Amino acid sequence: MATLTGLATVTNTGNVDLTNIAVEIILKDADGVEIDKYTTTIAALAVGLQRLPYSFTFDPTGYKAPFKVIAKATDGASDEVEQGSFRL
């Protein structure tokens, strides 16, 4: 088993508070197979940033390295950022 922990950063670069931000943090292998997903909602996001901790525990032997963590935040407009890749 392996455990991957990290912090995803959601940033509001506008000049008004945002509400009901849907956040998905997805762990994928090199072939794009989804291993696990963490979802949450940020009720209110002021201008600036908020960090969201995440943790995935999984068996890497059934998947192809390197692994990726993808973060998506949606408030009516979608933004997807690759947070990083790693090998176990």
PDB file of N, CA and C in Angstrom:
ATOM      1  N   MET A   1       0.848  -1.188   0.000  1.00  0.00           N
ATOM      2  CA  MET A   1       0.000   0.000   0.000  1.00  0.00           C
ATOM      3  C   MET A   1       0.885   1.240   0.000  1.00  0.00           C
ATOM      4  N   ALA A   2       0.340   2.303  -0.575  1.00  0.00           N
ATOM      5  CA  ALA A   2       1.039   3.586  -0.622  1.00  0.00           C
ATOM      6  C   ALA A   2       0.058   4.662  -0.185  1.00  0.00           C
ATOM      7  N   THR A   3       0.580   5.717   0.425  1.00  0.00           N
ATOM      8  CA  THR A   3      -0.240   6.860   0.806  1.00  0.00           C
ATOM      9  C   THR A   3       0.373   8.107   0.209  1.00  0.00           C
ATOM     10  N   LEU A   4      -0.455   8.879  -0.461  1.00  0.00           N
ATOM     11  CA  LEU A   4      -0.052  10.150  -1.050  1.00  0.00           C
ATOM     12  C   LEU A   4      -0.844  11.243  -0.361  1.00  0.00           C
ATOM     13  N   THR A   5      -0.152  12.226   0.216  1.00  0.00           N
ATOM     14  CA  THR A   5      -0.819  13.363   0.842  1.00  0.00           C
ATOM     15  C   THR A   5      -0.320  14.642   0.197  1.00  0.00           C
ATOM     16  N   GLY A   6      -1.141  15.657   0.229  1.00  0.00           N
ATOM     17  CA  GLY A   6      -0.738  16.929  -0.347  1.00  0.00           C
ATOM     18  C   GLY A   6      -1.714  18.026   0.007  1.00  0.00           C
ATOM     19  N   LEU A   7      -1.470  19.201  -0.558  1.00  0.00           N
ATOM     20  CA  LEU A   7      -2.345  20.358  -0.391  1.00  0.00           C
ATOM     21  C   LEU A   7      -2.703  20.878  -1.776  1.00  0.00           C
ATOM     22  N   ALA A   8      -3.984  20.981  -2.053  1.00  0.00           N
ATOM     23  CA  ALA A   8      -4.448  21.624  -3.275  1.00  0.00           C
ATOM     24  C   ALA A   8      -4.757  23.071  -2.928  1.00  0.00           C
ATOM     25  N   THR A   9      -4.418  23.984  -3.812  1.00  0.00           N
ATOM     26  CA  THR A   9      -4.672  25.399  -3.587  1.00  0.00           C
ATOM     27  C   THR A   9      -5.746  25.879  -4.549  1.00  0.00           C
ATOM     28  N   VAL A  10      -6.813  26.452  -4.006  1.00  0.00           N
ATOM     29  CA  VAL A  10      -7.866  27.060  -4.817  1.00  0.00           C
ATOM     30  C   VAL A  10      -7.732  28.563  -4.628  1.00  0.00           C
ATOM     31  N   THR A  11      -7.582  29.291  -5.752  1.00  0.00           N
ATOM     32  CA  THR A  11      -7.322  30.726  -5.682  1.00  0.00           C
ATOM     33  C   THR A  11      -8.430  31.513  -6.369  1.00  0.00           C
ATOM     34  N   ASN A  12      -8.940  32.519  -5.696  1.00  0.00           N
ATOM     35  CA  ASN A  12      -9.894  33.459  -6.270  1.00  0.00           C
ATOM     36  C   ASN A  12      -9.101  34.699  -6.657  1.00  0.00           C
ATOM     37  N   THR A  13      -8.880  34.891  -7.960  1.00  0.00           N
ATOM     38  CA  THR A  13      -8.082  36.020  -8.445  1.00  0.00           C
ATOM     39  C   THR A  13      -8.947  37.213  -8.840  1.00  0.00           C
ATOM     40  N   GLY A  14     -10.250  37.101  -8.627  1.00  0.00           N
ATOM     41  CA  GLY A  14     -11.153  38.207  -8.955  1.00  0.00           C
ATOM     42  C   GLY A  14     -11.212  39.234  -7.850  1.00  0.00           C
ATOM     43  N   ASN A  15     -12.279  40.031  -7.873  1.00  0.00           N
ATOM     44  CA  ASN A  15     -12.421  41.064  -6.853  1.00  0.00           C
ATOM     45  C   ASN A  15     -13.730  40.943  -6.071  1.00  0.00           C
ATOM     46  N   VAL A  16     -14.409  39.789  -6.191  1.00  0.00           N
ATOM     47  CA  VAL A  16     -15.617  39.511  -5.419  1.00  0.00           C
ATOM     48  C   VAL A  16     -15.518  38.109  -4.832  1.00  0.00           C
ATOM     49  N   ASP A  17     -16.209  37.894  -3.723  1.00  0.00           N
ATOM     50  CA  ASP A  17     -16.243  36.553  -3.119  1.00  0.00           C
ATOM     51  C   ASP A  17     -16.985  35.593  -4.037  1.00  0.00           C
ATOM     52  N   LEU A  18     -16.569  34.340  -4.047  1.00  0.00           N
ATOM     53  CA  LEU A  18     -17.228  33.287  -4.807  1.00  0.00           C
ATOM     54  C   LEU A  18     -17.938  32.357  -3.830  1.00  0.00           C
ATOM     55  N   THR A  19     -19.001  31.707  -4.279  1.00  0.00           N
ATOM     56  CA  THR A  19     -19.743  30.799  -3.410  1.00  0.00           C
ATOM     57  C   THR A  19     -19.940  29.455  -4.087  1.00  0.00           C
ATOM     58  N   ASN A  20     -20.105  28.442  -3.258  1.00  0.00           N
ATOM     59  CA  ASN A  20     -20.405  27.076  -3.702  1.00  0.00           C
ATOM     60  C   ASN A  20     -19.430  26.565  -4.764  1.00  0.00           C
ATOM     61  N   ILE A  21     -18.150  26.573  -4.429  1.00  0.00           N
ATOM     62  CA  ILE A  21     -17.112  26.085  -5.329  1.00  0.00           C
ATOM     63  C   ILE A  21     -17.040  24.571  -5.182  1.00  0.00           C
ATOM     64  N   ALA A  22     -17.294  23.841  -6.273  1.00  0.00           N
ATOM     65  CA  ALA A  22     -17.188  22.383  -6.267  1.00  0.00           C
ATOM     66  C   ALA A  22     -15.743  22.009  -6.593  1.00  0.00           C
ATOM     67  N   VAL A  23     -15.115  21.228  -5.711  1.00  0.00           N
ATOM     68  CA  VAL A  23     -13.709  20.854  -5.878  1.00  0.00           C
ATOM     69  C   VAL A  23     -13.598  19.339  -5.992  1.00  0.00           C
ATOM     70  N   GLU A  24     -12.831  18.881  -7.001  1.00  0.00           N
ATOM     71  CA  GLU A  24     -12.495  17.461  -7.155  1.00  0.00           C
ATOM     72  C   GLU A  24     -10.987  17.345  -7.202  1.00  0.00           C
ATOM     73  N   ILE A  25     -10.437  16.422  -6.436  1.00  0.00           N
ATOM     74  CA  ILE A  25      -9.012  16.110  -6.485  1.00  0.00           C
ATOM     75  C   ILE A  25      -8.939  14.640  -6.878  1.00  0.00           C
ATOM     76  N   ILE A  26      -8.309  14.368  -8.024  1.00  0.00           N
ATOM     77  CA  ILE A  26      -8.374  13.042  -8.639  1.00  0.00           C
ATOM     78  C   ILE A  26      -6.968  12.461  -8.772  1.00  0.00           C
ATOM     79  N   LEU A  27      -6.817  11.213  -8.357  1.00  0.00           N
ATOM     80  CA  LEU A  27      -5.562  10.478  -8.511  1.00  0.00           C
ATOM     81  C   LEU A  27      -5.703   9.571  -9.719  1.00  0.00           C
ATOM     82  N   LYS A  28      -4.774   9.714 -10.696  1.00  0.00           N
ATOM     83  CA  LYS A  28      -4.797   8.912 -11.919  1.00  0.00           C
ATOM     84  C   LYS A  28      -3.439   8.270 -12.148  1.00  0.00           C
ATOM     85  N   ASP A  29      -3.454   7.163 -12.915  1.00  0.00           N
ATOM     86  CA  ASP A  29      -2.179   6.560 -13.300  1.00  0.00           C
ATOM     87  C   ASP A  29      -1.747   7.099 -14.658  1.00  0.00           C
ATOM     88  N   ALA A  30      -0.620   6.589 -15.183  1.00  0.00           N
ATOM     89  CA  ALA A  30      -0.041   7.089 -16.433  1.00  0.00           C
ATOM     90  C   ALA A  30      -0.965   6.883 -17.627  1.00  0.00           C
ATOM     91  N   ASP A  31      -1.849   5.885 -17.567  1.00  0.00           N
ATOM     92  CA  ASP A  31      -2.793   5.630 -18.656  1.00  0.00           C
ATOM     93  C   ASP A  31      -4.083   6.428 -18.499  1.00  0.00           C
ATOM     94  N   GLY A  32      -4.192   7.249 -17.462  1.00  0.00           N
ATOM     95  CA  GLY A  32      -5.389   8.050 -17.236  1.00  0.00           C
ATOM     96  C   GLY A  32      -6.481   7.340 -16.467  1.00  0.00           C
ATOM     97  N   VAL A  33      -6.167   6.154 -15.922  1.00  0.00           N
ATOM     98  CA  VAL A  33      -7.147   5.413 -15.125  1.00  0.00           C
ATOM     99  C   VAL A  33      -7.326   6.120 -13.786  1.00  0.00           C
ATOM    100  N   GLU A  34      -8.588   6.416 -13.435  1.00  0.00           N
ATOM    101  CA  GLU A  34      -8.872   7.060 -12.154  1.00  0.00           C
ATOM    102  C   GLU A  34      -8.748   6.033 -11.035  1.00  0.00           C
ATOM    103  N   ILE A  35      -7.853   6.303 -10.088  1.00  0.00           N
ATOM    104  CA  ILE A  35      -7.624   5.412  -8.952  1.00  0.00           C
ATOM    105  C   ILE A  35      -8.537   5.780  -7.796  1.00  0.00           C
ATOM    106  N   ASP A  36      -8.645   7.071  -7.519  1.00  0.00           N
ATOM    107  CA  ASP A  36      -9.474   7.534  -6.404  1.00  0.00           C
ATOM    108  C   ASP A  36      -9.814   9.000  -6.637  1.00  0.00           C
ATOM    109  N   LYS A  37     -10.850   9.475  -5.929  1.00  0.00           N
ATOM    110  CA  LYS A  37     -11.263  10.868  -6.074  1.00  0.00           C
ATOM    111  C   LYS A  37     -11.757  11.394  -4.733  1.00  0.00           C
ATOM    112  N   TYR A  38     -11.390  12.628  -4.427  1.00  0.00           N
ATOM    113  CA  TYR A  38     -11.855  13.336  -3.239  1.00  0.00           C
ATOM    114  C   TYR A  38     -12.681  14.527  -3.729  1.00  0.00           C
ATOM    115  N   THR A  39     -13.881  14.714  -3.206  1.00  0.00           N
ATOM    116  CA  THR A  39     -14.714  15.851  -3.591  1.00  0.00           C
ATOM    117  C   THR A  39     -15.154  16.614  -2.348  1.00  0.00           C
ATOM    118  N   THR A  40     -15.285  17.925  -2.510  1.00  0.00           N
ATOM    119  CA  THR A  40     -15.763  18.782  -1.429  1.00  0.00           C
ATOM    120  C   THR A  40     -16.349  20.048  -2.039  1.00  0.00           C
ATOM    121  N   THR A  41     -17.029  20.826  -1.219  1.00  0.00           N
ATOM    122  CA  THR A  41     -17.563  22.116  -1.655  1.00  0.00           C
ATOM    123  C   THR A  41     -17.047  23.198  -0.716  1.00  0.00           C
ATOM    124  N   ILE A  42     -16.578  24.285  -1.289  1.00  0.00           N
ATOM    125  CA  ILE A  42     -16.189  25.464  -0.517  1.00  0.00           C
ATOM    126  C   ILE A  42     -17.385  26.405  -0.554  1.00  0.00           C
ATOM    127  N   ALA A  43     -18.025  26.641   0.591  1.00  0.00           N
ATOM    128  CA  ALA A  43     -19.243  27.449   0.648  1.00  0.00           C
ATOM    129  C   ALA A  43     -18.983  28.893   0.224  1.00  0.00           C
ATOM    130  N   ALA A  44     -17.865  29.473   0.685  1.00  0.00           N
ATOM    131  CA  ALA A  44     -17.523  30.855   0.337  1.00  0.00           C
ATOM    132  C   ALA A  44     -16.008  30.962   0.205  1.00  0.00           C
ATOM    133  N   LEU A  45     -15.570  31.576  -0.882  1.00  0.00           N
ATOM    134  CA  LEU A  45     -14.139  31.770  -1.126  1.00  0.00           C
ATOM    135  C   LEU A  45     -13.889  33.251  -1.371  1.00  0.00           C
ATOM    136  N   ALA A  46     -13.257  33.897  -0.392  1.00  0.00           N
ATOM    137  CA  ALA A  46     -12.911  35.312  -0.528  1.00  0.00           C
ATOM    138  C   ALA A  46     -11.772  35.453  -1.538  1.00  0.00           C
ATOM    139  N   VAL A  47     -11.512  36.684  -1.944  1.00  0.00           N
ATOM    140  CA  VAL A  47     -10.370  36.950  -2.812  1.00  0.00           C
ATOM    141  C   VAL A  47      -9.122  36.463  -2.108  1.00  0.00           C
ATOM    142  N   GLY A  48      -8.293  35.732  -2.794  1.00  0.00           N
ATOM    143  CA  GLY A  48      -7.100  35.133  -2.211  1.00  0.00           C
ATOM    144  C   GLY A  48      -7.123  33.633  -2.413  1.00  0.00           C
ATOM    145  N   LEU A  49      -6.571  32.886  -1.485  1.00  0.00           N
ATOM    146  CA  LEU A  49      -6.479  31.446  -1.686  1.00  0.00           C
ATOM    147  C   LEU A  49      -6.891  30.678  -0.451  1.00  0.00           C
ATOM    148  N   GLN A  50      -7.229  29.425  -0.710  1.00  0.00           N
ATOM    149  CA  GLN A  50      -7.556  28.484   0.362  1.00  0.00           C
ATOM    150  C   GLN A  50      -6.863  27.169   0.032  1.00  0.00           C
ATOM    151  N   ARG A  51      -6.242  26.545   1.019  1.00  0.00           N
ATOM    152  CA  ARG A  51      -5.561  25.266   0.824  1.00  0.00           C
ATOM    153  C   ARG A  51      -6.437  24.138   1.351  1.00  0.00           C
ATOM    154  N   LEU A  52      -6.511  23.063   0.559  1.00  0.00           N
ATOM    155  CA  LEU A  52      -7.311  21.903   0.928  1.00  0.00           C
ATOM    156  C   LEU A  52      -6.397  20.691   1.056  1.00  0.00           C
ATOM    157  N   PRO A  53      -6.287  20.108   2.235  1.00  0.00           N
ATOM    158  CA  PRO A  53      -5.471  18.894   2.373  1.00  0.00           C
ATOM    159  C   PRO A  53      -6.195  17.696   1.765  1.00  0.00           C
ATOM    160  N   TYR A  54      -5.413  16.774   1.188  1.00  0.00           N
ATOM    161  CA  TYR A  54      -5.983  15.531   0.666  1.00  0.00           C
ATOM    162  C   TYR A  54      -5.033  14.389   0.964  1.00  0.00           C
ATOM    163  N   SER A  55      -5.584  13.180   0.957  1.00  0.00           N
ATOM    164  CA  SER A  55      -4.782  11.978   1.193  1.00  0.00           C
ATOM    165  C   SER A  55      -5.427  10.809   0.451  1.00  0.00           C
ATOM    166  N   PHE A  56      -4.609  10.061  -0.267  1.00  0.00           N
ATOM    167  CA  PHE A  56      -5.055   8.857  -0.957  1.00  0.00           C
ATOM    168  C   PHE A  56      -4.213   7.683  -0.469  1.00  0.00           C
ATOM    169  N   THR A  57      -4.851   6.589  -0.094  1.00  0.00           N
ATOM    170  CA  THR A  57      -4.154   5.350   0.227  1.00  0.00           C
ATOM    171  C   THR A  57      -4.606   4.324  -0.809  1.00  0.00           C
ATOM    172  N   PHE A  58      -3.637   3.727  -1.522  1.00  0.00           N
ATOM    173  CA  PHE A  58      -3.979   2.824  -2.614  1.00  0.00           C
ATOM    174  C   PHE A  58      -2.862   1.809  -2.820  1.00  0.00           C
ATOM    175  N   ASP A  59      -3.186   0.745  -3.544  1.00  0.00           N
ATOM    176  CA  ASP A  59      -2.213  -0.285  -3.898  1.00  0.00           C
ATOM    177  C   ASP A  59      -1.676   0.036  -5.289  1.00  0.00           C
ATOM    178  N   PRO A  60      -0.435   0.499  -5.412  1.00  0.00           N
ATOM    179  CA  PRO A  60       0.094   0.922  -6.707  1.00  0.00           C
ATOM    180  C   PRO A  60       0.407  -0.224  -7.666  1.00  0.00           C
ATOM    181  N   THR A  61       0.385  -1.464  -7.184  1.00  0.00           N
ATOM    182  CA  THR A  61       0.797  -2.575  -8.056  1.00  0.00           C
ATOM    183  C   THR A  61      -0.179  -2.817  -9.202  1.00  0.00           C
ATOM    184  N   GLY A  62      -1.420  -2.387  -9.091  1.00  0.00           N
ATOM    185  CA  GLY A  62      -2.393  -2.601 -10.151  1.00  0.00           C
ATOM    186  C   GLY A  62      -2.466  -1.461 -11.148  1.00  0.00           C
ATOM    187  N   TYR A  63      -1.576  -0.485 -11.036  1.00  0.00           N
ATOM    188  CA  TYR A  63      -1.631   0.708 -11.872  1.00  0.00           C
ATOM    189  C   TYR A  63      -0.261   1.009 -12.467  1.00  0.00           C
ATOM    190  N   LYS A  64      -0.253   1.865 -13.500  1.00  0.00           N
ATOM    191  CA  LYS A  64       0.991   2.206 -14.203  1.00  0.00           C
ATOM    192  C   LYS A  64       1.517   3.568 -13.738  1.00  0.00           C
ATOM    193  N   ALA A  65       2.764   3.589 -13.271  1.00  0.00           N
ATOM    194  CA  ALA A  65       3.428   4.841 -12.879  1.00  0.00           C
ATOM    195  C   ALA A  65       3.928   5.558 -14.137  1.00  0.00           C
ATOM    196  N   PRO A  66       4.142   6.869 -14.091  1.00  0.00           N
ATOM    197  CA  PRO A  66       3.977   7.756 -12.941  1.00  0.00           C
ATOM    198  C   PRO A  66       2.505   8.072 -12.699  1.00  0.00           C
ATOM    199  N   PHE A  67       2.216   8.471 -11.465  1.00  0.00           N
ATOM    200  CA  PHE A  67       0.865   8.811 -11.056  1.00  0.00           C
ATOM    201  C   PHE A  67       0.686  10.323 -11.103  1.00  0.00           C
ATOM    202  N   LYS A  68      -0.556  10.783 -11.293  1.00  0.00           N
ATOM    203  CA  LYS A  68      -0.859  12.214 -11.367  1.00  0.00           C
ATOM    204  C   LYS A  68      -1.971  12.556 -10.394  1.00  0.00           C
ATOM    205  N   VAL A  69      -1.904  13.767  -9.869  1.00  0.00           N
ATOM    206  CA  VAL A  69      -3.000  14.324  -9.092  1.00  0.00           C
ATOM    207  C   VAL A  69      -3.515  15.523  -9.877  1.00  0.00           C
ATOM    208  N   ILE A  70      -4.810  15.481 -10.182  1.00  0.00           N
ATOM    209  CA  ILE A  70      -5.465  16.544 -10.933  1.00  0.00           C
ATOM    210  C   ILE A  70      -6.455  17.232  -9.994  1.00  0.00           C
ATOM    211  N   ALA A  71      -6.474  18.560 -10.002  1.00  0.00           N
ATOM    212  CA  ALA A  71      -7.435  19.304  -9.198  1.00  0.00           C
ATOM    213  C   ALA A  71      -8.349  20.095 -10.120  1.00  0.00           C
ATOM    214  N   LYS A  72      -9.651  20.025  -9.838  1.00  0.00           N
ATOM    215  CA  LYS A  72     -10.643  20.782 -10.598  1.00  0.00           C
ATOM    216  C   LYS A  72     -11.485  21.583  -9.621  1.00  0.00           C
ATOM    217  N   ALA A  73     -11.697  22.857  -9.933  1.00  0.00           N
ATOM    218  CA  ALA A  73     -12.586  23.695  -9.125  1.00  0.00           C
ATOM    219  C   ALA A  73     -13.571  24.361 -10.077  1.00  0.00           C
ATOM    220  N   THR A  74     -14.858  24.284  -9.740  1.00  0.00           N
ATOM    221  CA  THR A  74     -15.887  24.811 -10.630  1.00  0.00           C
ATOM    222  C   THR A  74     -16.850  25.700  -9.851  1.00  0.00           C
ATOM    223  N   ASP A  75     -17.083  26.879 -10.381  1.00  0.00           N
ATOM    224  CA  ASP A  75     -18.101  27.768  -9.812  1.00  0.00           C
ATOM    225  C   ASP A  75     -18.993  28.302 -10.928  1.00  0.00           C
ATOM    226  N   GLY A  76     -19.197  27.520 -11.950  1.00  0.00           N
ATOM    227  CA  GLY A  76     -19.904  27.965 -13.153  1.00  0.00           C
ATOM    228  C   GLY A  76     -18.941  28.047 -14.318  1.00  0.00           C
ATOM    229  N   ALA A  77     -17.683  28.315 -14.024  1.00  0.00           N
ATOM    230  CA  ALA A  77     -16.613  28.247 -15.019  1.00  0.00           C
ATOM    231  C   ALA A  77     -15.635  27.212 -14.490  1.00  0.00           C
ATOM    232  N   SER A  78     -15.066  26.403 -15.362  1.00  0.00           N
ATOM    233  CA  SER A  78     -14.218  25.301 -14.920  1.00  0.00           C
ATOM    234  C   SER A  78     -12.745  25.658 -15.054  1.00  0.00           C
ATOM    235  N   ASP A  79     -11.947  25.170 -14.110  1.00  0.00           N
ATOM    236  CA  ASP A  79     -10.502  25.354 -14.159  1.00  0.00           C
ATOM    237  C   ASP A  79      -9.867  24.055 -13.717  1.00  0.00           C
ATOM    238  N   GLU A  80      -8.949  23.526 -14.518  1.00  0.00           N
ATOM    239  CA  GLU A  80      -8.286  22.264 -14.196  1.00  0.00           C
ATOM    240  C   GLU A  80      -6.786  22.485 -14.218  1.00  0.00           C
ATOM    241  N   VAL A  81      -6.120  22.048 -13.169  1.00  0.00           N
ATOM    242  CA  VAL A  81      -4.683  22.242 -13.047  1.00  0.00           C
ATOM    243  C   VAL A  81      -4.040  20.933 -12.647  1.00  0.00           C
ATOM    244  N   GLU A  82      -2.992  20.533 -13.361  1.00  0.00           N
ATOM    245  CA  GLU A  82      -2.247  19.345 -12.953  1.00  0.00           C
ATOM    246  C   GLU A  82      -1.322  19.753 -11.824  1.00  0.00           C
ATOM    247  N   GLN A  83      -1.468  19.083 -10.677  1.00  0.00           N
ATOM    248  CA  GLN A  83      -0.686  19.434  -9.503  1.00  0.00           C
ATOM    249  C   GLN A  83       0.677  18.771  -9.470  1.00  0.00           C
ATOM    250  N   GLY A  84       0.828  17.641 -10.161  1.00  0.00           N
ATOM    251  CA  GLY A  84       2.131  17.003 -10.141  1.00  0.00           C
ATOM    252  C   GLY A  84       2.061  15.534 -10.470  1.00  0.00           C
ATOM    253  N   SER A  85       3.196  14.976 -10.778  1.00  0.00           N
ATOM    254  CA  SER A  85       3.319  13.548 -11.063  1.00  0.00           C
ATOM    255  C   SER A  85       4.354  12.965 -10.113  1.00  0.00           C
ATOM    256  N   PHE A  86       4.236  11.685  -9.840  1.00  0.00           N
ATOM    257  CA  PHE A  86       5.197  11.044  -8.946  1.00  0.00           C
ATOM    258  C   PHE A  86       5.291   9.565  -9.273  1.00  0.00           C
ATOM    259  N   ARG A  87       6.381   8.961  -8.888  1.00  0.00           N
ATOM    260  CA  ARG A  87       6.595   7.524  -9.038  1.00  0.00           C
ATOM    261  C   ARG A  87       6.727   6.902  -7.665  1.00  0.00           C
ATOM    262  N   LEU A  88       6.250   5.671  -7.548  1.00  0.00           N
ATOM    263  CA  LEU A  88       6.402   4.932  -6.295  1.00  0.00           C
ATOM    264  C   LEU A  88       7.382   3.809  -6.503  1.00  0.00           C
TER     265      LEU A  88
END
